[in-house]
Amino acid sequence: YSVSCNSGTDALILALRSLNIGQGDEVITSSFSFF
């Protein structure tokens, strides 16, 4: 499946929301990236 959206930023937000990631949770990532 591929679901299109308004931007790459929205894609990240929608993905996080769909996985029920929210208040109080932690997500490990890189600081060397676009904001």
All heavy atoms as atom14 arrays in JSON, in Angstrom:
{
  "sequence": "YSVSCNSGTDALILALRSLNIGQGDEVITSSFSFF",
  "atom14_mask": [
    [1, 1, 1, 1, 1, 1, 1, 1, 1, 1, 1, 1, 0, 0],
    [1, 1, 1, 1, 1, 1, 0, 0, 0, 0, 0, 0, 0, 0],
    [1, 1, 1, 1, 1, 1, 1, 0, 0, 0, 0, 0, 0, 0],
    [1, 1, 1, 1, 1, 1, 0, 0, 0, 0, 0, 0, 0, 0],
    [1, 1, 1, 1, 1, 1, 0, 0, 0, 0, 0, 0, 0, 0],
    [1, 1, 1, 1, 1, 1, 1, 1, 0, 0, 0, 0, 0, 0],
    [1, 1, 1, 1, 1, 1, 0, 0, 0, 0, 0, 0, 0, 0],
    [1, 1, 1, 1, 0, 0, 0, 0, 0, 0, 0, 0, 0, 0],
    [1, 1, 1, 1, 1, 1, 1, 0, 0, 0, 0, 0, 0, 0],
    [1, 1, 1, 1, 1, 1, 1, 1, 0, 0, 0, 0, 0, 0],
    [1, 1, 1, 1, 1, 0, 0, 0, 0, 0, 0, 0, 0, 0],
    [1, 1, 1, 1, 1, 1, 1, 1, 0, 0, 0, 0, 0, 0],
    [1, 1, 1, 1, 1, 1, 1, 1, 0, 0, 0, 0, 0, 0],
    [1, 1, 1, 1, 1, 1, 1, 1, 0, 0, 0, 0, 0, 0],
    [1, 1, 1, 1, 1, 0, 0, 0, 0, 0, 0, 0, 0, 0],
    [1, 1, 1, 1, 1, 1, 1, 1, 0, 0, 0, 0, 0, 0],
    [1, 1, 1, 1, 1, 1, 1, 1, 1, 1, 1, 0, 0, 0],
    [1, 1, 1, 1, 1, 1, 0, 0, 0, 0, 0, 0, 0, 0],
    [1, 1, 1, 1, 1, 1, 1, 1, 0, 0, 0, 0, 0, 0],
    [1, 1, 1, 1, 1, 1, 1, 1, 0, 0, 0, 0, 0, 0],
    [1, 1, 1, 1, 1, 1, 1, 1, 0, 0, 0, 0, 0, 0],
    [1, 1, 1, 1, 0, 0, 0, 0, 0, 0, 0, 0, 0, 0],
    [1, 1, 1, 1, 1, 1, 1, 1, 1, 0, 0, 0, 0, 0],
    [1, 1, 1, 1, 0, 0, 0, 0, 0, 0, 0, 0, 0, 0],
    [1, 1, 1, 1, 1, 1, 1, 1, 0, 0, 0, 0, 0, 0],
    [1, 1, 1, 1, 1, 1, 1, 1, 1, 0, 0, 0, 0, 0],
    [1, 1, 1, 1, 1, 1, 1, 0, 0, 0, 0, 0, 0, 0],
    [1, 1, 1, 1, 1, 1, 1, 1, 0, 0, 0, 0, 0, 0],
    [1, 1, 1, 1, 1, 1, 1, 0, 0, 0, 0, 0, 0, 0],
    [1, 1, 1, 1, 1, 1, 0, 0, 0, 0, 0, 0, 0, 0],
    [1, 1, 1, 1, 1, 1, 0, 0, 0, 0, 0, 0, 0, 0],
    [1, 1, 1, 1, 1, 1, 1, 1, 1, 1, 1, 0, 0, 0],
    [1, 1, 1, 1, 1, 1, 0, 0, 0, 0, 0, 0, 0, 0],
    [1, 1, 1, 1, 1, 1, 1, 1, 1, 1, 1, 0, 0, 0],
    [1, 1, 1, 1, 1, 1, 1, 1, 1, 1, 1, 0, 0, 0]
  ],
  "atom14_positions": [
    [[0.83, -1.21, 0.0], [0.0, 0.0, 0.0], [0.86, 1.26, 0.0], [1.92, 1.31, 0.63], [-0.92, 0.03, 1.24], [-1.69, -1.24, 1.43], [-1.25, -2.21, 2.34], [-2.86, -1.5, 0.7], [-1.95, -3.4, 2.5], [-3.55, -2.69, 0.86], [-3.1, -3.63, 1.77], [-3.78, -4.81, 1.93], [0.0, 0.0, 0.0], [0.0, 0.0, 0.0]],
    [[0.36, 2.26, -0.7], [0.97, 3.59, -0.7], [-0.15, 4.6, -0.52], [-1.13, 4.58, -1.25], [1.71, 3.84, -2.02], [2.06, 5.2, -2.13], [0.0, 0.0, 0.0], [0.0, 0.0, 0.0], [0.0, 0.0, 0.0], [0.0, 0.0, 0.0], [0.0, 0.0, 0.0], [0.0, 0.0, 0.0], [0.0, 0.0, 0.0], [0.0, 0.0, 0.0]],
    [[0.01, 5.46, 0.49], [-0.99, 6.49, 0.74], [-0.31, 7.84, 0.53], [0.66, 8.18, 1.22], [-1.54, 6.41, 2.18], [-2.61, 7.49, 2.39], [-2.11, 5.03, 2.46], [0.0, 0.0, 0.0], [0.0, 0.0, 0.0], [0.0, 0.0, 0.0], [0.0, 0.0, 0.0], [0.0, 0.0, 0.0], [0.0, 0.0, 0.0], [0.0, 0.0, 0.0]],
    [[-0.79, 8.62, -0.4], [-0.18, 9.92, -0.69], [-0.67, 10.97, 0.3], [-1.75, 10.83, 0.89], [-0.48, 10.35, -2.12], [-1.89, 10.44, -2.33], [0.0, 0.0, 0.0], [0.0, 0.0, 0.0], [0.0, 0.0, 0.0], [0.0, 0.0, 0.0], [0.0, 0.0, 0.0], [0.0, 0.0, 0.0], [0.0, 0.0, 0.0], [0.0, 0.0, 0.0]],
    [[0.12, 12.02, 0.46], [-0.26, 13.1, 1.39], [0.4, 14.4, 0.94], [1.02, 14.46, -0.13], [0.14, 12.74, 2.83], [1.93, 12.51, 3.06], [0.0, 0.0, 0.0], [0.0, 0.0, 0.0], [0.0, 0.0, 0.0], [0.0, 0.0, 0.0], [0.0, 0.0, 0.0], [0.0, 0.0, 0.0], [0.0, 0.0, 0.0], [0.0, 0.0, 0.0]],
    [[0.3, 15.43, 1.78], [0.7, 16.77, 1.39], [2.2, 17.02, 1.37], [2.68, 17.87, 0.65], [0.02, 17.79, 2.31], [0.31, 19.21, 1.92], [-0.03, 19.65, 0.84], [0.98, 19.95, 2.79], [0.0, 0.0, 0.0], [0.0, 0.0, 0.0], [0.0, 0.0, 0.0], [0.0, 0.0, 0.0], [0.0, 0.0, 0.0], [0.0, 0.0, 0.0]],
    [[2.97, 16.28, 2.2], [4.41, 16.54, 2.29], [5.11, 15.39, 3.0], [4.46, 14.54, 3.61], [4.67, 17.84, 3.06], [4.3, 17.7, 4.43], [0.0, 0.0, 0.0], [0.0, 0.0, 0.0], [0.0, 0.0, 0.0], [0.0, 0.0, 0.0], [0.0, 0.0, 0.0], [0.0, 0.0, 0.0], [0.0, 0.0, 0.0], [0.0, 0.0, 0.0]],
    [[6.43, 15.42, 2.96], [7.2, 14.42, 3.69], [7.03, 14.59, 5.19], [7.03, 13.6, 5.94], [0.0, 0.0, 0.0], [0.0, 0.0, 0.0], [0.0, 0.0, 0.0], [0.0, 0.0, 0.0], [0.0, 0.0, 0.0], [0.0, 0.0, 0.0], [0.0, 0.0, 0.0], [0.0, 0.0, 0.0], [0.0, 0.0, 0.0], [0.0, 0.0, 0.0]],
    [[6.89, 15.82, 5.65], [6.66, 16.08, 7.07], [5.34, 15.47, 7.52], [5.25, 14.79, 8.55], [6.66, 17.59, 7.36], [7.88, 18.15, 6.9], [6.51, 17.86, 8.85], [0.0, 0.0, 0.0], [0.0, 0.0, 0.0], [0.0, 0.0, 0.0], [0.0, 0.0, 0.0], [0.0, 0.0, 0.0], [0.0, 0.0, 0.0], [0.0, 0.0, 0.0]],
    [[4.29, 15.7, 6.73], [2.99, 15.1, 7.05], [3.07, 13.57, 7.03], [2.4, 12.91, 7.83], [1.94, 15.57, 6.05], [1.4, 16.96, 6.37], [1.94, 17.6, 7.28], [0.44, 17.39, 5.71], [0.0, 0.0, 0.0], [0.0, 0.0, 0.0], [0.0, 0.0, 0.0], [0.0, 0.0, 0.0], [0.0, 0.0, 0.0], [0.0, 0.0, 0.0]],
    [[3.86, 13.04, 6.12], [4.01, 11.58, 6.05], [4.53, 11.04, 7.38], [4.02, 10.03, 7.91], [4.95, 11.19, 4.91], [0.0, 0.0, 0.0], [0.0, 0.0, 0.0], [0.0, 0.0, 0.0], [0.0, 0.0, 0.0], [0.0, 0.0, 0.0], [0.0, 0.0, 0.0], [0.0, 0.0, 0.0], [0.0, 0.0, 0.0], [0.0, 0.0, 0.0]],
    [[5.52, 11.71, 7.95], [6.08, 11.29, 9.24], [5.04, 11.41, 10.36], [4.89, 10.49, 11.18], [7.31, 12.12, 9.58], [8.56, 11.87, 8.74], [9.59, 12.98, 8.97], [9.18, 10.52, 9.07], [0.0, 0.0, 0.0], [0.0, 0.0, 0.0], [0.0, 0.0, 0.0], [0.0, 0.0, 0.0], [0.0, 0.0, 0.0], [0.0, 0.0, 0.0]],
    [[4.33, 12.52, 10.39], [3.33, 12.72, 11.43], [2.21, 11.69, 11.32], [1.79, 11.1, 12.33], [2.75, 14.16, 11.35], [3.84, 15.18, 11.72], [1.54, 14.32, 12.27], [3.44, 16.63, 11.49], [0.0, 0.0, 0.0], [0.0, 0.0, 0.0], [0.0, 0.0, 0.0], [0.0, 0.0, 0.0], [0.0, 0.0, 0.0], [0.0, 0.0, 0.0]],
    [[1.73, 11.46, 10.12], [0.66, 10.49, 9.92], [1.12, 9.08, 10.29], [0.36, 8.3, 10.89], [0.19, 10.52, 8.46], [-0.57, 11.78, 8.02], [-0.66, 11.85, 6.5], [-1.96, 11.81, 8.64], [0.0, 0.0, 0.0], [0.0, 0.0, 0.0], [0.0, 0.0, 0.0], [0.0, 0.0, 0.0], [0.0, 0.0, 0.0], [0.0, 0.0, 0.0]],
    [[2.36, 8.77, 9.96], [2.9, 7.45, 10.29], [2.98, 7.26, 11.8], [2.58, 6.23, 12.35], [4.28, 7.28, 9.67], [0.0, 0.0, 0.0], [0.0, 0.0, 0.0], [0.0, 0.0, 0.0], [0.0, 0.0, 0.0], [0.0, 0.0, 0.0], [0.0, 0.0, 0.0], [0.0, 0.0, 0.0], [0.0, 0.0, 0.0], [0.0, 0.0, 0.0]],
    [[3.5, 8.27, 12.5], [3.61, 8.19, 13.96], [2.22, 8.08, 14.59], [2.01, 7.27, 15.51], [4.34, 9.43, 14.48], [5.85, 9.49, 14.18], [6.35, 10.93, 14.26], [6.63, 8.6, 15.13], [0.0, 0.0, 0.0], [0.0, 0.0, 0.0], [0.0, 0.0, 0.0], [0.0, 0.0, 0.0], [0.0, 0.0, 0.0], [0.0, 0.0, 0.0]],
    [[1.28, 8.88, 14.12], [-0.08, 8.83, 14.66], [-0.7, 7.46, 14.43], [-1.39, 6.92, 15.32], [-0.95, 9.9, 13.99], [-0.83, 11.3, 14.55], [-1.58, 11.49, 15.87], [-2.97, 11.04, 15.82], [-4.0, 11.77, 15.41], [-3.8, 13.03, 14.99], [-5.23, 11.29, 15.42], [0.0, 0.0, 0.0], [0.0, 0.0, 0.0], [0.0, 0.0, 0.0]],
    [[-0.48, 6.89, 13.26], [-1.1, 5.59, 12.93], [-0.59, 4.48, 13.83], [-1.28, 3.47, 14.04], [-0.85, 5.24, 11.46], [0.51, 4.87, 11.25], [0.0, 0.0, 0.0], [0.0, 0.0, 0.0], [0.0, 0.0, 0.0], [0.0, 0.0, 0.0], [0.0, 0.0, 0.0], [0.0, 0.0, 0.0], [0.0, 0.0, 0.0], [0.0, 0.0, 0.0]],
    [[0.62, 4.66, 14.37], [1.23, 3.66, 15.25], [0.98, 3.97, 16.73], [1.59, 3.37, 17.61], [2.73, 3.57, 14.97], [3.1, 3.01, 13.59], [4.57, 3.26, 13.28], [2.77, 1.53, 13.52], [0.0, 0.0, 0.0], [0.0, 0.0, 0.0], [0.0, 0.0, 0.0], [0.0, 0.0, 0.0], [0.0, 0.0, 0.0], [0.0, 0.0, 0.0]],
    [[0.07, 4.93, 16.97], [-0.33, 5.31, 18.33], [0.85, 5.79, 19.17], [0.94, 5.52, 20.38], [-1.02, 4.14, 19.03], [-2.32, 3.74, 18.36], [-3.14, 4.6, 18.03], [-2.5, 2.45, 18.11], [0.0, 0.0, 0.0], [0.0, 0.0, 0.0], [0.0, 0.0, 0.0], [0.0, 0.0, 0.0], [0.0, 0.0, 0.0], [0.0, 0.0, 0.0]],
    [[1.77, 6.5, 18.54], [2.89, 7.09, 19.26], [2.53, 8.52, 19.62], [2.11, 9.31, 18.76], [4.17, 7.05, 18.39], [4.59, 5.59, 18.17], [5.29, 7.85, 19.04], [5.67, 5.41, 17.14], [0.0, 0.0, 0.0], [0.0, 0.0, 0.0], [0.0, 0.0, 0.0], [0.0, 0.0, 0.0], [0.0, 0.0, 0.0], [0.0, 0.0, 0.0]],
    [[2.65, 8.84, 20.92], [2.21, 10.15, 21.36], [2.82, 10.57, 22.67], [3.98, 10.27, 22.96], [0.0, 0.0, 0.0], [0.0, 0.0, 0.0], [0.0, 0.0, 0.0], [0.0, 0.0, 0.0], [0.0, 0.0, 0.0], [0.0, 0.0, 0.0], [0.0, 0.0, 0.0], [0.0, 0.0, 0.0], [0.0, 0.0, 0.0], [0.0, 0.0, 0.0]],
    [[2.03, 11.26, 23.47], [2.48, 11.87, 24.71], [3.22, 10.89, 25.61], [2.72, 9.81, 25.92], [1.29, 12.45, 25.47], [1.67, 13.48, 26.52], [2.21, 14.76, 25.9], [1.71, 15.23, 24.88], [3.24, 15.32, 26.52], [0.0, 0.0, 0.0], [0.0, 0.0, 0.0], [0.0, 0.0, 0.0], [0.0, 0.0, 0.0], [0.0, 0.0, 0.0]],
    [[4.45, 11.28, 26.01], [5.23, 10.46, 26.94], [6.08, 9.39, 26.28], [6.92, 8.77, 26.94], [0.0, 0.0, 0.0], [0.0, 0.0, 0.0], [0.0, 0.0, 0.0], [0.0, 0.0, 0.0], [0.0, 0.0, 0.0], [0.0, 0.0, 0.0], [0.0, 0.0, 0.0], [0.0, 0.0, 0.0], [0.0, 0.0, 0.0], [0.0, 0.0, 0.0]],
    [[5.87, 9.14, 24.99], [6.65, 8.12, 24.28], [7.98, 8.69, 23.81], [8.14, 9.91, 23.66], [5.87, 7.59, 23.07], [4.6, 6.86, 23.47], [4.57, 6.3, 24.58], [3.63, 6.87, 22.69], [0.0, 0.0, 0.0], [0.0, 0.0, 0.0], [0.0, 0.0, 0.0], [0.0, 0.0, 0.0], [0.0, 0.0, 0.0], [0.0, 0.0, 0.0]],
    [[8.93, 7.81, 23.54], [10.23, 8.2, 23.01], [10.47, 7.51, 21.68], [10.09, 6.35, 21.49], [11.35, 7.83, 23.99], [11.3, 8.61, 25.3], [12.38, 8.22, 26.28], [13.09, 7.2, 26.03], [12.54, 8.91, 27.3], [0.0, 0.0, 0.0], [0.0, 0.0, 0.0], [0.0, 0.0, 0.0], [0.0, 0.0, 0.0], [0.0, 0.0, 0.0]],
    [[11.1, 8.24, 20.78], [11.44, 7.71, 19.45], [12.92, 7.98, 19.21], [13.38, 9.13, 19.27], [10.6, 8.37, 18.35], [10.99, 7.81, 16.98], [9.1, 8.15, 18.6], [0.0, 0.0, 0.0], [0.0, 0.0, 0.0], [0.0, 0.0, 0.0], [0.0, 0.0, 0.0], [0.0, 0.0, 0.0], [0.0, 0.0, 0.0], [0.0, 0.0, 0.0]],
    [[13.68, 6.92, 18.92], [15.12, 7.05, 18.7], [15.38, 7.41, 17.25], [14.87, 6.75, 16.32], [15.83, 5.73, 19.07], [15.65, 5.43, 20.56], [17.32, 5.79, 18.72], [16.11, 4.04, 20.97], [0.0, 0.0, 0.0], [0.0, 0.0, 0.0], [0.0, 0.0, 0.0], [0.0, 0.0, 0.0], [0.0, 0.0, 0.0], [0.0, 0.0, 0.0]],
    [[16.18, 8.44, 17.03], [16.47, 8.89, 15.67], [17.83, 9.58, 15.61], [18.6, 9.56, 16.56], [15.34, 9.81, 15.16], [15.48, 10.03, 13.75], [15.34, 11.15, 15.89], [0.0, 0.0, 0.0], [0.0, 0.0, 0.0], [0.0, 0.0, 0.0], [0.0, 0.0, 0.0], [0.0, 0.0, 0.0], [0.0, 0.0, 0.0], [0.0, 0.0, 0.0]],
    [[18.1, 10.21, 14.47], [19.37, 10.9, 14.24], [19.2, 12.4, 14.32], [18.18, 12.95, 13.88], [19.92, 10.52, 12.86], [21.07, 11.3, 12.54], [0.0, 0.0, 0.0], [0.0, 0.0, 0.0], [0.0, 0.0, 0.0], [0.0, 0.0, 0.0], [0.0, 0.0, 0.0], [0.0, 0.0, 0.0], [0.0, 0.0, 0.0], [0.0, 0.0, 0.0]],
    [[20.2, 13.07, 14.87], [20.21, 14.54, 14.91], [20.77, 15.13, 13.63], [20.62, 16.33, 13.38], [21.04, 15.02, 16.12], [21.12, 16.41, 16.15], [0.0, 0.0, 0.0], [0.0, 0.0, 0.0], [0.0, 0.0, 0.0], [0.0, 0.0, 0.0], [0.0, 0.0, 0.0], [0.0, 0.0, 0.0], [0.0, 0.0, 0.0], [0.0, 0.0, 0.0]],
    [[21.42, 14.29, 12.82], [21.98, 14.76, 11.55], [20.98, 14.48, 10.44], [21.04, 13.47, 9.74], [23.32, 14.09, 11.27], [24.05, 14.68, 10.09], [24.24, 16.05, 9.98], [24.57, 13.87, 9.1], [24.91, 16.61, 8.89], [25.25, 14.41, 8.01], [25.41, 15.78, 7.91], [0.0, 0.0, 0.0], [0.0, 0.0, 0.0], [0.0, 0.0, 0.0]],
    [[20.02, 15.38, 10.32], [18.93, 15.23, 9.37], [18.25, 16.58, 9.23], [18.56, 17.53, 9.97], [17.92, 14.18, 9.87], [16.84, 14.02, 8.96], [0.0, 0.0, 0.0], [0.0, 0.0, 0.0], [0.0, 0.0, 0.0], [0.0, 0.0, 0.0], [0.0, 0.0, 0.0], [0.0, 0.0, 0.0], [0.0, 0.0, 0.0], [0.0, 0.0, 0.0]],
    [[17.29, 16.68, 8.32], [16.47, 17.89, 8.24], [15.59, 17.95, 9.49], [15.18, 16.92, 10.03], [15.62, 17.89, 6.97], [14.77, 19.12, 6.84], [15.33, 20.38, 6.81], [13.39, 19.01, 6.76], [14.54, 21.52, 6.69], [12.59, 20.14, 6.65], [13.17, 21.4, 6.62], [0.0, 0.0, 0.0], [0.0, 0.0, 0.0], [0.0, 0.0, 0.0]],
    [[15.28, 19.15, 9.94], [14.58, 19.38, 11.19], [13.26, 18.61, 11.29], [12.83, 18.21, 12.38], [14.32, 20.88, 11.35], [13.82, 21.3, 12.69], [14.66, 21.3, 13.8], [12.5, 21.7, 12.85], [14.19, 21.7, 15.05], [12.03, 22.1, 14.09], [12.88, 22.09, 15.2], [0.0, 0.0, 0.0], [0.0, 0.0, 0.0], [0.0, 0.0, 0.0]]
  ]
}
